[in-house]
Amino acid sequence: MIGWLQGRLADRWQQGSRHGLLLLCQGVGYEVQISSRHWIALPASGAELTLVIHQVIREDAWTLYGFSERGERDLFRELVAVSGVGPQLALGLLGCLEPETLVRAIVQADLRLLSSAPGVGKRTAERLSVELRGKLGERFATETFARAQEMDLEGPTLQGPTREEVQITLGALGYEALEINRALRGVGAQGLEPSSSADDWLRESLRWLSQPAA
């Protein structure tokens, strides 16, 4: 299996929504698909380039997907492991969102942001969050994201499965992650017990969110 390539950028190409390049490595040219965000940032032809590779082998084709960092390649692998998410959809997510932003959107069940990627509908966004948020929160969290989480969780608030259920529901209703986290903190500060049901937390969060800004 090919896991890493270093060579000279010979050409770049675009076919519809697909983006890629031709990398010359010791006399062999490798066609590699990359995200649109990576494609836009490519150096000029002839420049030296290093790619971390994910290789897919099928009966009718061998396809290489390239990434600038190993962490992004690993995130791609997590994405394509989700039912209904193929390589093109995963590249679309990575092309639309920076890896840290994508991880944060999945972990916080920010369905609106996830659905901004091409081809990602509400059901796919929900499935990504449900299947990956725990794993990605542990594996891909950065110091910046960790600090953001600590800020979001300051003061009394809801934790565990009930919090996750309420986040997904509010996200599906169109609220953004920051609004949801503030609502949960606000409801917790008003005295709602963490042991209360998800319906209670959802009802009080909606009431909190409906209040006019001070």
N, C-alpha and C. Protein backbone atom coordinates (compact mmCIF):
# COMPACT_ATOMS: atom_id res chain seq x y z
N MET A 1 0.84 -1.20 0.00
CA MET A 1 0.00 0.00 0.00
C MET A 1 0.88 1.26 0.00
N ILE A 2 0.44 2.25 -0.75
CA ILE A 2 1.15 3.54 -0.79
C ILE A 2 0.63 4.41 0.34
N GLY A 3 1.52 4.88 1.20
CA GLY A 3 1.11 5.70 2.33
C GLY A 3 1.73 7.08 2.33
N TRP A 4 2.70 7.32 1.44
CA TRP A 4 3.42 8.60 1.46
C TRP A 4 4.12 8.77 0.12
N LEU A 5 4.07 9.99 -0.42
CA LEU A 5 4.75 10.28 -1.68
C LEU A 5 5.47 11.63 -1.58
N GLN A 6 6.66 11.67 -2.18
CA GLN A 6 7.41 12.91 -2.26
C GLN A 6 7.91 13.05 -3.69
N GLY A 7 7.65 14.19 -4.30
CA GLY A 7 8.09 14.37 -5.68
C GLY A 7 7.86 15.79 -6.16
N ARG A 8 7.77 15.93 -7.48
CA ARG A 8 7.62 17.25 -8.10
C ARG A 8 6.22 17.39 -8.67
N LEU A 9 5.60 18.51 -8.38
CA LEU A 9 4.26 18.77 -8.90
C LEU A 9 4.36 19.03 -10.41
N ALA A 10 3.77 18.12 -11.19
CA ALA A 10 3.86 18.23 -12.65
C ALA A 10 2.63 18.90 -13.24
N ASP A 11 1.47 18.68 -12.64
CA ASP A 11 0.24 19.23 -13.21
C ASP A 11 -0.85 19.20 -12.14
N ARG A 12 -1.85 20.01 -12.34
CA ARG A 12 -3.04 19.98 -11.49
C ARG A 12 -4.27 19.90 -12.39
N TRP A 13 -5.32 19.29 -11.91
CA TRP A 13 -6.51 19.13 -12.75
C TRP A 13 -7.79 19.23 -11.92
N GLN A 14 -8.85 19.53 -12.63
CA GLN A 14 -10.17 19.60 -12.02
C GLN A 14 -11.18 18.99 -12.98
N GLN A 15 -11.99 18.04 -12.48
CA GLN A 15 -13.02 17.40 -13.27
C GLN A 15 -14.33 17.51 -12.49
N GLY A 16 -15.15 18.48 -12.85
CA GLY A 16 -16.37 18.71 -12.08
C GLY A 16 -16.02 19.16 -10.67
N SER A 17 -16.51 18.41 -9.70
CA SER A 17 -16.24 18.75 -8.30
C SER A 17 -14.96 18.09 -7.78
N ARG A 18 -14.30 17.32 -8.62
CA ARG A 18 -13.09 16.61 -8.20
C ARG A 18 -11.84 17.42 -8.53
N HIS A 19 -10.89 17.37 -7.61
CA HIS A 19 -9.63 18.11 -7.77
C HIS A 19 -8.47 17.15 -7.57
N GLY A 20 -7.42 17.34 -8.33
CA GLY A 20 -6.28 16.45 -8.18
C GLY A 20 -5.01 17.02 -8.78
N LEU A 21 -3.98 16.20 -8.74
CA LEU A 21 -2.67 16.62 -9.25
C LEU A 21 -1.92 15.41 -9.77
N LEU A 22 -0.88 15.70 -10.53
CA LEU A 22 0.05 14.68 -11.01
C LEU A 22 1.38 14.92 -10.33
N LEU A 23 1.86 13.94 -9.59
CA LEU A 23 3.10 14.07 -8.83
C LEU A 23 4.14 13.14 -9.44
N LEU A 24 5.28 13.71 -9.87
CA LEU A 24 6.35 12.91 -10.45
C LEU A 24 7.32 12.48 -9.36
N CYS A 25 7.47 11.17 -9.22
CA CYS A 25 8.34 10.60 -8.19
C CYS A 25 9.30 9.62 -8.84
N GLN A 26 10.55 10.01 -9.02
CA GLN A 26 11.58 9.14 -9.60
C GLN A 26 11.13 8.51 -10.91
N GLY A 27 10.62 9.34 -11.79
CA GLY A 27 10.24 8.90 -13.13
C GLY A 27 8.85 8.31 -13.24
N VAL A 28 8.11 8.24 -12.16
CA VAL A 28 6.75 7.71 -12.19
C VAL A 28 5.78 8.83 -11.82
N GLY A 29 4.70 8.98 -12.59
CA GLY A 29 3.71 10.00 -12.30
C GLY A 29 2.50 9.40 -11.60
N TYR A 30 2.18 9.93 -10.44
CA TYR A 30 1.04 9.44 -9.65
C TYR A 30 -0.08 10.48 -9.70
N GLU A 31 -1.28 10.04 -10.11
CA GLU A 31 -2.45 10.91 -10.05
C GLU A 31 -3.06 10.78 -8.66
N VAL A 32 -3.25 11.92 -8.01
CA VAL A 32 -3.73 11.93 -6.63
C VAL A 32 -4.89 12.91 -6.52
N GLN A 33 -5.99 12.47 -5.93
CA GLN A 33 -7.10 13.36 -5.65
C GLN A 33 -6.88 14.07 -4.31
N ILE A 34 -7.23 15.34 -4.26
CA ILE A 34 -7.07 16.12 -3.04
C ILE A 34 -8.33 16.98 -2.84
N SER A 35 -8.45 17.60 -1.68
CA SER A 35 -9.60 18.45 -1.41
C SER A 35 -9.47 19.76 -2.18
N SER A 36 -10.58 20.43 -2.40
CA SER A 36 -10.56 21.72 -3.12
C SER A 36 -9.75 22.76 -2.34
N ARG A 37 -9.81 22.72 -1.01
CA ARG A 37 -9.05 23.66 -0.20
C ARG A 37 -7.55 23.45 -0.39
N HIS A 38 -7.12 22.19 -0.45
CA HIS A 38 -5.71 21.85 -0.68
C HIS A 38 -5.31 22.24 -2.10
N TRP A 39 -6.20 22.00 -3.05
CA TRP A 39 -5.91 22.27 -4.46
C TRP A 39 -5.66 23.75 -4.69
N ILE A 40 -6.48 24.59 -4.07
CA ILE A 40 -6.33 26.04 -4.23
C ILE A 40 -4.98 26.52 -3.69
N ALA A 41 -4.48 25.84 -2.65
CA ALA A 41 -3.24 26.27 -1.99
C ALA A 41 -1.99 25.62 -2.58
N LEU A 42 -2.12 24.87 -3.67
CA LEU A 42 -0.95 24.20 -4.25
C LEU A 42 0.09 25.22 -4.71
N PRO A 43 1.38 24.86 -4.61
CA PRO A 43 2.43 25.74 -5.15
C PRO A 43 2.46 25.67 -6.67
N ALA A 44 3.35 26.41 -7.28
CA ALA A 44 3.47 26.42 -8.73
C ALA A 44 4.00 25.08 -9.23
N SER A 45 3.68 24.77 -10.47
CA SER A 45 4.18 23.53 -11.08
C SER A 45 5.70 23.50 -11.02
N GLY A 46 6.24 22.33 -10.74
CA GLY A 46 7.68 22.16 -10.60
C GLY A 46 8.15 22.17 -9.16
N ALA A 47 7.28 22.60 -8.25
CA ALA A 47 7.66 22.65 -6.83
C ALA A 47 7.70 21.26 -6.23
N GLU A 48 8.55 21.09 -5.24
CA GLU A 48 8.61 19.84 -4.50
C GLU A 48 7.39 19.75 -3.57
N LEU A 49 6.85 18.55 -3.49
CA LEU A 49 5.61 18.38 -2.73
C LEU A 49 5.65 17.03 -2.02
N THR A 50 5.16 17.02 -0.78
CA THR A 50 5.05 15.79 -0.01
C THR A 50 3.59 15.57 0.37
N LEU A 51 3.10 14.37 0.14
CA LEU A 51 1.70 14.05 0.43
C LEU A 51 1.61 12.79 1.28
N VAL A 52 0.72 12.82 2.25
CA VAL A 52 0.35 11.61 2.99
C VAL A 52 -0.83 11.00 2.23
N ILE A 53 -0.78 9.70 1.98
CA ILE A 53 -1.68 9.07 1.02
C ILE A 53 -2.63 8.06 1.69
N HIS A 54 -3.87 8.09 1.21
CA HIS A 54 -4.82 7.01 1.49
C HIS A 54 -5.11 6.34 0.16
N GLN A 55 -4.89 5.03 0.08
CA GLN A 55 -5.06 4.30 -1.17
C GLN A 55 -6.30 3.42 -1.11
N VAL A 56 -7.11 3.49 -2.16
CA VAL A 56 -8.30 2.65 -2.28
C VAL A 56 -8.12 1.75 -3.49
N ILE A 57 -8.22 0.45 -3.26
CA ILE A 57 -8.04 -0.53 -4.34
C ILE A 57 -9.38 -1.23 -4.60
N ARG A 58 -9.85 -1.11 -5.84
CA ARG A 58 -11.05 -1.81 -6.27
C ARG A 58 -10.74 -2.58 -7.54
N GLU A 59 -11.67 -3.42 -7.95
CA GLU A 59 -11.42 -4.24 -9.13
C GLU A 59 -11.19 -3.40 -10.38
N ASP A 60 -11.90 -2.26 -10.47
CA ASP A 60 -11.82 -1.46 -11.70
C ASP A 60 -10.89 -0.25 -11.58
N ALA A 61 -10.33 0.00 -10.39
CA ALA A 61 -9.49 1.20 -10.26
C ALA A 61 -8.69 1.18 -8.97
N TRP A 62 -7.50 1.80 -9.02
CA TRP A 62 -6.70 2.11 -7.83
C TRP A 62 -6.71 3.63 -7.71
N THR A 63 -7.15 4.14 -6.59
CA THR A 63 -7.28 5.58 -6.42
C THR A 63 -6.46 6.04 -5.22
N LEU A 64 -5.73 7.14 -5.42
CA LEU A 64 -4.93 7.73 -4.34
C LEU A 64 -5.56 9.05 -3.91
N TYR A 65 -5.67 9.23 -2.60
CA TYR A 65 -6.15 10.48 -2.02
C TYR A 65 -5.03 11.08 -1.20
N GLY A 66 -4.71 12.35 -1.45
CA GLY A 66 -3.54 12.96 -0.82
C GLY A 66 -3.91 14.04 0.19
N PHE A 67 -3.05 14.17 1.22
CA PHE A 67 -3.28 15.13 2.30
C PHE A 67 -1.94 15.72 2.72
N SER A 68 -1.99 16.95 3.19
CA SER A 68 -0.75 17.62 3.57
C SER A 68 -0.24 17.15 4.92
N GLU A 69 -1.13 16.60 5.77
CA GLU A 69 -0.74 16.16 7.09
C GLU A 69 -1.37 14.81 7.41
N ARG A 70 -0.69 14.05 8.26
CA ARG A 70 -1.20 12.74 8.64
C ARG A 70 -2.53 12.84 9.37
N GLY A 71 -2.67 13.87 10.23
CA GLY A 71 -3.91 14.02 10.98
C GLY A 71 -5.12 14.20 10.08
N GLU A 72 -4.94 14.93 8.98
CA GLU A 72 -6.04 15.13 8.04
C GLU A 72 -6.36 13.82 7.32
N ARG A 73 -5.33 13.05 6.97
CA ARG A 73 -5.56 11.74 6.36
C ARG A 73 -6.32 10.81 7.30
N ASP A 74 -5.95 10.83 8.58
CA ASP A 74 -6.63 9.98 9.56
C ASP A 74 -8.08 10.42 9.75
N LEU A 75 -8.32 11.73 9.71
CA LEU A 75 -9.70 12.22 9.81
C LEU A 75 -10.51 11.76 8.60
N PHE A 76 -9.91 11.81 7.42
CA PHE A 76 -10.57 11.31 6.21
C PHE A 76 -10.96 9.85 6.38
N ARG A 77 -10.08 9.06 6.95
CA ARG A 77 -10.37 7.64 7.16
C ARG A 77 -11.52 7.43 8.13
N GLU A 78 -11.61 8.28 9.14
CA GLU A 78 -12.74 8.18 10.07
C GLU A 78 -14.04 8.54 9.36
N LEU A 79 -13.98 9.55 8.50
CA LEU A 79 -15.18 9.98 7.80
C LEU A 79 -15.72 8.89 6.87
N VAL A 80 -14.84 8.28 6.09
CA VAL A 80 -15.31 7.29 5.12
C VAL A 80 -15.75 5.99 5.79
N ALA A 81 -15.43 5.81 7.07
CA ALA A 81 -15.89 4.64 7.81
C ALA A 81 -17.35 4.76 8.23
N VAL A 82 -17.91 5.97 8.12
CA VAL A 82 -19.31 6.19 8.47
C VAL A 82 -20.19 5.72 7.32
N SER A 83 -21.25 5.01 7.63
CA SER A 83 -22.16 4.51 6.61
C SER A 83 -22.72 5.65 5.77
N GLY A 84 -22.63 5.51 4.46
CA GLY A 84 -23.16 6.51 3.55
C GLY A 84 -22.21 7.64 3.20
N VAL A 85 -20.99 7.60 3.77
CA VAL A 85 -20.01 8.65 3.49
C VAL A 85 -18.87 8.03 2.67
N GLY A 86 -18.80 8.41 1.41
CA GLY A 86 -17.73 7.91 0.54
C GLY A 86 -16.58 8.89 0.45
N PRO A 87 -15.55 8.54 -0.30
CA PRO A 87 -14.38 9.41 -0.42
C PRO A 87 -14.69 10.81 -0.94
N GLN A 88 -15.60 10.92 -1.92
CA GLN A 88 -15.88 12.25 -2.47
C GLN A 88 -16.60 13.13 -1.47
N LEU A 89 -17.50 12.55 -0.71
CA LEU A 89 -18.20 13.32 0.32
C LEU A 89 -17.23 13.75 1.42
N ALA A 90 -16.32 12.84 1.79
CA ALA A 90 -15.32 13.16 2.82
C ALA A 90 -14.40 14.28 2.33
N LEU A 91 -13.97 14.21 1.07
CA LEU A 91 -13.13 15.28 0.52
C LEU A 91 -13.91 16.60 0.45
N GLY A 92 -15.22 16.51 0.18
CA GLY A 92 -16.04 17.71 0.17
C GLY A 92 -16.08 18.38 1.53
N LEU A 93 -16.20 17.58 2.59
CA LEU A 93 -16.18 18.12 3.95
C LEU A 93 -14.85 18.78 4.25
N LEU A 94 -13.76 18.10 3.90
CA LEU A 94 -12.42 18.64 4.17
C LEU A 94 -12.09 19.83 3.28
N GLY A 95 -12.73 19.91 2.12
CA GLY A 95 -12.53 21.06 1.26
C GLY A 95 -13.28 22.28 1.73
N CYS A 96 -14.41 22.05 2.40
CA CYS A 96 -15.24 23.15 2.86
C CYS A 96 -14.82 23.65 4.24
N LEU A 97 -14.32 22.74 5.09
CA LEU A 97 -14.03 23.08 6.49
C LEU A 97 -12.60 22.68 6.85
N GLU A 98 -11.92 23.53 7.58
CA GLU A 98 -10.61 23.17 8.12
C GLU A 98 -10.79 21.97 9.06
N PRO A 99 -9.79 21.09 9.16
CA PRO A 99 -9.94 19.90 10.01
C PRO A 99 -10.40 20.20 11.43
N GLU A 100 -9.82 21.22 12.06
CA GLU A 100 -10.23 21.54 13.43
C GLU A 100 -11.68 22.00 13.48
N THR A 101 -12.09 22.79 12.49
CA THR A 101 -13.48 23.25 12.43
C THR A 101 -14.42 22.09 12.20
N LEU A 102 -14.03 21.16 11.34
CA LEU A 102 -14.85 19.98 11.05
C LEU A 102 -15.01 19.11 12.29
N VAL A 103 -13.91 18.86 13.00
CA VAL A 103 -13.98 18.06 14.22
C VAL A 103 -14.89 18.73 15.24
N ARG A 104 -14.72 20.02 15.41
CA ARG A 104 -15.54 20.74 16.38
C ARG A 104 -17.02 20.67 16.00
N ALA A 105 -17.33 20.78 14.71
CA ALA A 105 -18.72 20.71 14.26
C ALA A 105 -19.31 19.34 14.53
N ILE A 106 -18.51 18.28 14.33
CA ILE A 106 -19.00 16.92 14.58
C ILE A 106 -19.21 16.69 16.07
N VAL A 107 -18.24 17.07 16.88
CA VAL A 107 -18.31 16.83 18.32
C VAL A 107 -19.44 17.64 18.95
N GLN A 108 -19.66 18.86 18.48
CA GLN A 108 -20.70 19.72 19.05
C GLN A 108 -22.04 19.58 18.34
N ALA A 109 -22.12 18.62 17.41
CA ALA A 109 -23.37 18.38 16.66
C ALA A 109 -23.87 19.66 15.99
N ASP A 110 -22.95 20.38 15.37
CA ASP A 110 -23.32 21.60 14.64
C ASP A 110 -23.79 21.19 13.25
N LEU A 111 -25.06 20.78 13.17
CA LEU A 111 -25.59 20.22 11.93
C LEU A 111 -25.65 21.27 10.82
N ARG A 112 -25.88 22.51 11.18
CA ARG A 112 -25.94 23.56 10.16
C ARG A 112 -24.59 23.71 9.47
N LEU A 113 -23.52 23.71 10.23
CA LEU A 113 -22.19 23.86 9.64
C LEU A 113 -21.82 22.64 8.82
N LEU A 114 -22.11 21.45 9.33
CA LEU A 114 -21.81 20.23 8.59
C LEU A 114 -22.58 20.19 7.27
N SER A 115 -23.81 20.65 7.29
CA SER A 115 -24.64 20.62 6.08
C SER A 115 -24.23 21.68 5.06
N SER A 116 -23.30 22.56 5.43
CA SER A 116 -22.82 23.55 4.46
C SER A 116 -21.88 22.93 3.45
N ALA A 117 -21.37 21.73 3.71
CA ALA A 117 -20.47 21.05 2.77
C ALA A 117 -21.30 20.46 1.62
N PRO A 118 -20.76 20.44 0.42
CA PRO A 118 -21.51 19.94 -0.74
C PRO A 118 -21.89 18.47 -0.57
N GLY A 119 -23.17 18.19 -0.80
CA GLY A 119 -23.65 16.81 -0.75
C GLY A 119 -24.01 16.31 0.63
N VAL A 120 -23.82 17.12 1.67
CA VAL A 120 -24.11 16.69 3.04
C VAL A 120 -25.48 17.22 3.44
N GLY A 121 -26.44 16.31 3.61
CA GLY A 121 -27.76 16.69 4.07
C GLY A 121 -27.89 16.52 5.57
N LYS A 122 -29.08 16.81 6.07
CA LYS A 122 -29.32 16.77 7.51
C LYS A 122 -29.08 15.37 8.07
N ARG A 123 -29.57 14.34 7.39
CA ARG A 123 -29.43 12.98 7.91
C ARG A 123 -27.95 12.56 7.96
N THR A 124 -27.21 12.92 6.93
CA THR A 124 -25.79 12.58 6.92
C THR A 124 -25.06 13.33 8.02
N ALA A 125 -25.38 14.58 8.22
CA ALA A 125 -24.76 15.37 9.29
C ALA A 125 -25.06 14.76 10.65
N GLU A 126 -26.30 14.33 10.87
CA GLU A 126 -26.65 13.69 12.13
C GLU A 126 -25.87 12.39 12.33
N ARG A 127 -25.75 11.60 11.26
CA ARG A 127 -25.04 10.33 11.35
C ARG A 127 -23.56 10.56 11.66
N LEU A 128 -22.97 11.54 11.03
CA LEU A 128 -21.57 11.86 11.32
C LEU A 128 -21.37 12.20 12.79
N SER A 129 -22.26 13.03 13.32
CA SER A 129 -22.12 13.44 14.71
C SER A 129 -22.34 12.27 15.67
N VAL A 130 -23.39 11.50 15.42
CA VAL A 130 -23.71 10.38 16.32
C VAL A 130 -22.58 9.35 16.34
N GLU A 131 -22.03 9.02 15.16
CA GLU A 131 -21.05 7.95 15.08
C GLU A 131 -19.63 8.38 15.44
N LEU A 132 -19.31 9.67 15.27
CA LEU A 132 -17.91 10.07 15.40
C LEU A 132 -17.59 11.01 16.54
N ARG A 133 -18.59 11.64 17.14
CA ARG A 133 -18.25 12.72 18.07
C ARG A 133 -17.41 12.24 19.25
N GLY A 134 -17.72 11.05 19.81
CA GLY A 134 -16.93 10.56 20.93
C GLY A 134 -15.49 10.26 20.53
N LYS A 135 -15.34 9.57 19.43
CA LYS A 135 -14.02 9.17 18.96
C LYS A 135 -13.17 10.38 18.55
N LEU A 136 -13.78 11.30 17.81
CA LEU A 136 -13.02 12.47 17.35
C LEU A 136 -12.70 13.41 18.49
N GLY A 137 -13.60 13.52 19.43
CA GLY A 137 -13.33 14.38 20.57
C GLY A 137 -12.09 13.96 21.33
N GLU A 138 -11.83 12.65 21.40
CA GLU A 138 -10.65 12.14 22.08
C GLU A 138 -9.42 12.16 21.19
N ARG A 139 -9.59 11.83 19.93
CA ARG A 139 -8.43 11.56 19.07
C ARG A 139 -7.87 12.79 18.38
N PHE A 140 -8.73 13.73 18.01
CA PHE A 140 -8.28 14.83 17.19
C PHE A 140 -8.34 16.19 17.87
N ALA A 141 -8.73 16.23 19.14
CA ALA A 141 -8.85 17.52 19.83
C ALA A 141 -7.48 18.19 19.93
N THR A 142 -7.42 19.49 19.66
CA THR A 142 -6.19 20.26 19.79
C THR A 142 -6.28 21.12 21.04
N GLU A 143 -5.17 21.79 21.38
CA GLU A 143 -5.20 22.65 22.55
C GLU A 143 -6.24 23.76 22.39
N THR A 144 -6.35 24.29 21.17
CA THR A 144 -7.33 25.34 20.93
C THR A 144 -8.74 24.83 21.17
N PHE A 145 -9.01 23.65 20.64
CA PHE A 145 -10.34 23.08 20.82
C PHE A 145 -10.59 22.74 22.28
N ALA A 146 -9.58 22.25 22.96
CA ALA A 146 -9.74 21.92 24.37
C ALA A 146 -10.07 23.16 25.18
N ARG A 147 -9.41 24.28 24.86
CA ARG A 147 -9.70 25.52 25.57
C ARG A 147 -11.13 25.98 25.29
N ALA A 148 -11.56 25.81 24.06
CA ALA A 148 -12.93 26.19 23.71
C ALA A 148 -13.93 25.35 24.48
N GLN A 149 -13.64 24.04 24.60
CA GLN A 149 -14.52 23.16 25.35
C GLN A 149 -14.60 23.60 26.80
N GLU A 150 -13.44 23.95 27.40
CA GLU A 150 -13.44 24.37 28.79
C GLU A 150 -14.27 25.63 28.97
N MET A 151 -14.18 26.56 28.01
CA MET A 151 -14.97 27.78 28.08
C MET A 151 -16.45 27.46 27.97
N ASP A 152 -16.79 26.52 27.09
CA ASP A 152 -18.19 26.16 26.90
C ASP A 152 -18.78 25.52 28.14
N LEU A 153 -17.93 24.85 28.93
CA LEU A 153 -18.43 24.08 30.06
C LEU A 153 -18.28 24.80 31.38
N GLU A 154 -17.90 26.08 31.36
CA GLU A 154 -17.76 26.82 32.61
C GLU A 154 -19.12 26.92 33.28
N GLY A 155 -19.13 26.77 34.61
CA GLY A 155 -20.36 26.92 35.36
C GLY A 155 -21.21 25.66 35.28
N PRO A 156 -22.33 25.63 36.01
CA PRO A 156 -23.19 24.44 36.03
C PRO A 156 -23.84 24.22 34.68
N THR A 157 -23.82 23.01 34.22
CA THR A 157 -24.43 22.69 32.94
C THR A 157 -24.66 21.20 32.86
N LEU A 158 -25.20 20.76 31.76
CA LEU A 158 -25.57 19.36 31.56
C LEU A 158 -24.42 18.60 30.92
N GLN A 159 -24.26 17.33 31.29
CA GLN A 159 -23.21 16.49 30.74
C GLN A 159 -23.80 15.14 30.31
N GLY A 160 -22.98 14.36 29.57
CA GLY A 160 -23.34 12.99 29.26
C GLY A 160 -24.34 12.85 28.13
N PRO A 161 -24.98 11.68 28.04
CA PRO A 161 -25.89 11.37 26.92
C PRO A 161 -27.05 12.35 26.79
N THR A 162 -27.57 12.83 27.93
CA THR A 162 -28.69 13.78 27.86
C THR A 162 -28.26 15.05 27.15
N ARG A 163 -27.05 15.54 27.47
CA ARG A 163 -26.53 16.74 26.80
C ARG A 163 -26.41 16.49 25.29
N GLU A 164 -25.90 15.34 24.93
CA GLU A 164 -25.72 15.03 23.51
C GLU A 164 -27.06 15.01 22.79
N GLU A 165 -28.07 14.41 23.43
CA GLU A 165 -29.40 14.35 22.82
C GLU A 165 -29.98 15.75 22.62
N VAL A 166 -29.84 16.60 23.63
CA VAL A 166 -30.36 17.96 23.53
C VAL A 166 -29.60 18.75 22.46
N GLN A 167 -28.28 18.58 22.40
CA GLN A 167 -27.47 19.29 21.39
C GLN A 167 -27.91 18.92 19.98
N ILE A 168 -28.11 17.64 19.74
CA ILE A 168 -28.50 17.19 18.40
C ILE A 168 -29.87 17.75 18.03
N THR A 169 -30.80 17.70 18.98
CA THR A 169 -32.15 18.20 18.70
C THR A 169 -32.15 19.69 18.42
N LEU A 170 -31.46 20.47 19.25
CA LEU A 170 -31.40 21.91 19.04
C LEU A 170 -30.66 22.25 17.75
N GLY A 171 -29.61 21.48 17.44
CA GLY A 171 -28.90 21.69 16.18
C GLY A 171 -29.79 21.44 14.99
N ALA A 172 -30.62 20.41 15.08
CA ALA A 172 -31.54 20.10 14.00
C ALA A 172 -32.59 21.19 13.83
N LEU A 173 -32.86 21.93 14.91
CA LEU A 173 -33.81 23.04 14.84
C LEU A 173 -33.17 24.32 14.30
N GLY A 174 -31.87 24.26 14.02
CA GLY A 174 -31.21 25.40 13.40
C GLY A 174 -30.33 26.24 14.31
N TYR A 175 -30.23 25.87 15.58
CA TYR A 175 -29.38 26.64 16.50
C TYR A 175 -27.92 26.22 16.32
N GLU A 176 -27.03 27.18 16.47
CA GLU A 176 -25.61 26.91 16.33
C GLU A 176 -25.02 26.43 17.66
N ALA A 177 -23.82 25.82 17.56
CA ALA A 177 -23.22 25.20 18.73
C ALA A 177 -23.01 26.18 19.87
N LEU A 178 -22.57 27.41 19.55
CA LEU A 178 -22.32 28.39 20.60
C LEU A 178 -23.62 28.76 21.31
N GLU A 179 -24.70 28.93 20.54
CA GLU A 179 -26.00 29.23 21.14
C GLU A 179 -26.46 28.11 22.06
N ILE A 180 -26.26 26.87 21.62
CA ILE A 180 -26.70 25.71 22.40
C ILE A 180 -25.93 25.62 23.71
N ASN A 181 -24.61 25.79 23.63
CA ASN A 181 -23.80 25.70 24.84
C ASN A 181 -24.16 26.80 25.84
N ARG A 182 -24.42 27.99 25.33
CA ARG A 182 -24.82 29.09 26.21
C ARG A 182 -26.17 28.80 26.86
N ALA A 183 -27.08 28.23 26.07
CA ALA A 183 -28.40 27.90 26.62
C ALA A 183 -28.29 26.85 27.72
N LEU A 184 -27.47 25.84 27.52
CA LEU A 184 -27.31 24.80 28.53
C LEU A 184 -26.69 25.36 29.80
N ARG A 185 -25.72 26.25 29.64
CA ARG A 185 -25.14 26.88 30.83
C ARG A 185 -26.18 27.74 31.54
N GLY A 186 -26.96 28.48 30.74
CA GLY A 186 -27.97 29.34 31.33
C GLY A 186 -29.04 28.57 32.08
N VAL A 187 -29.51 27.48 31.48
CA VAL A 187 -30.53 26.66 32.13
C VAL A 187 -29.97 26.02 33.40
N GLY A 188 -28.71 25.56 33.32
CA GLY A 188 -28.10 24.98 34.51
C GLY A 188 -27.96 25.99 35.62
N ALA A 189 -27.62 27.23 35.26
CA ALA A 189 -27.47 28.28 36.27
C ALA A 189 -28.80 28.64 36.91
N GLN A 190 -29.90 28.41 36.19
CA GLN A 190 -31.22 28.70 36.73
C GLN A 190 -31.71 27.61 37.68
N GLY A 191 -30.97 26.50 37.76
CA GLY A 191 -31.27 25.51 38.78
C GLY A 191 -31.85 24.19 38.30
N LEU A 192 -31.96 23.98 36.98
CA LEU A 192 -32.47 22.70 36.52
C LEU A 192 -31.46 21.60 36.84
N GLU A 193 -31.92 20.52 37.46
CA GLU A 193 -31.02 19.46 37.90
C GLU A 193 -30.49 18.65 36.72
N PRO A 194 -29.21 18.25 36.76
CA PRO A 194 -28.65 17.41 35.69
C PRO A 194 -29.40 16.10 35.52
N SER A 195 -30.06 15.64 36.59
CA SER A 195 -30.78 14.38 36.52
C SER A 195 -32.13 14.51 35.83
N SER A 196 -32.54 15.74 35.49
CA SER A 196 -33.81 15.95 34.79
C SER A 196 -33.75 15.33 33.40
N SER A 197 -34.91 15.09 32.83
CA SER A 197 -34.97 14.41 31.54
C SER A 197 -34.50 15.30 30.41
N ALA A 198 -34.19 14.67 29.28
CA ALA A 198 -33.80 15.43 28.09
C ALA A 198 -34.93 16.35 27.63
N ASP A 199 -36.19 15.90 27.78
CA ASP A 199 -37.32 16.74 27.40
C ASP A 199 -37.36 18.01 28.25
N ASP A 200 -37.09 17.88 29.56
CA ASP A 200 -37.07 19.05 30.43
C ASP A 200 -35.97 20.02 30.01
N TRP A 201 -34.78 19.47 29.75
CA TRP A 201 -33.66 20.33 29.34
C TRP A 201 -33.94 20.98 27.99
N LEU A 202 -34.56 20.23 27.09
CA LEU A 202 -34.88 20.79 25.78
C LEU A 202 -35.91 21.92 25.92
N ARG A 203 -36.95 21.68 26.70
CA ARG A 203 -37.99 22.69 26.87
C ARG A 203 -37.41 23.98 27.49
N GLU A 204 -36.62 23.82 28.56
CA GLU A 204 -36.06 25.00 29.22
C GLU A 204 -35.01 25.70 28.34
N SER A 205 -34.27 24.92 27.54
CA SER A 205 -33.29 25.52 26.63
C SER A 205 -33.98 26.35 25.55
N LEU A 206 -35.08 25.81 25.01
CA LEU A 206 -35.83 26.57 24.01
C LEU A 206 -36.41 27.84 24.62
N ARG A 207 -36.87 27.77 25.86
CA ARG A 207 -37.38 28.95 26.53
C ARG A 207 -36.27 29.99 26.71
N TRP A 208 -35.08 29.49 27.09
CA TRP A 208 -33.94 30.39 27.28
C TRP A 208 -33.55 31.04 25.95
N LEU A 209 -33.52 30.25 24.90
CA LEU A 209 -33.12 30.75 23.58
C LEU A 209 -34.14 31.75 23.01
N SER A 210 -35.39 31.64 23.42
CA SER A 210 -36.43 32.52 22.90
C SER A 210 -36.46 33.88 23.58
N GLN A 211 -35.71 34.01 24.67
CA GLN A 211 -35.67 35.27 25.41
C GLN A 211 -34.96 36.33 24.57
N PRO A 212 -35.43 37.56 24.57
CA PRO A 212 -34.75 38.63 23.81
C PRO A 212 -33.40 38.90 24.41
N ALA A 213 -32.44 39.23 23.56
CA ALA A 213 -31.09 39.54 24.03
C ALA A 213 -31.12 40.77 24.91
N ALA A 214 -30.26 40.72 25.97
CA ALA A 214 -30.23 41.86 26.89
C ALA A 214 -29.56 43.04 26.23
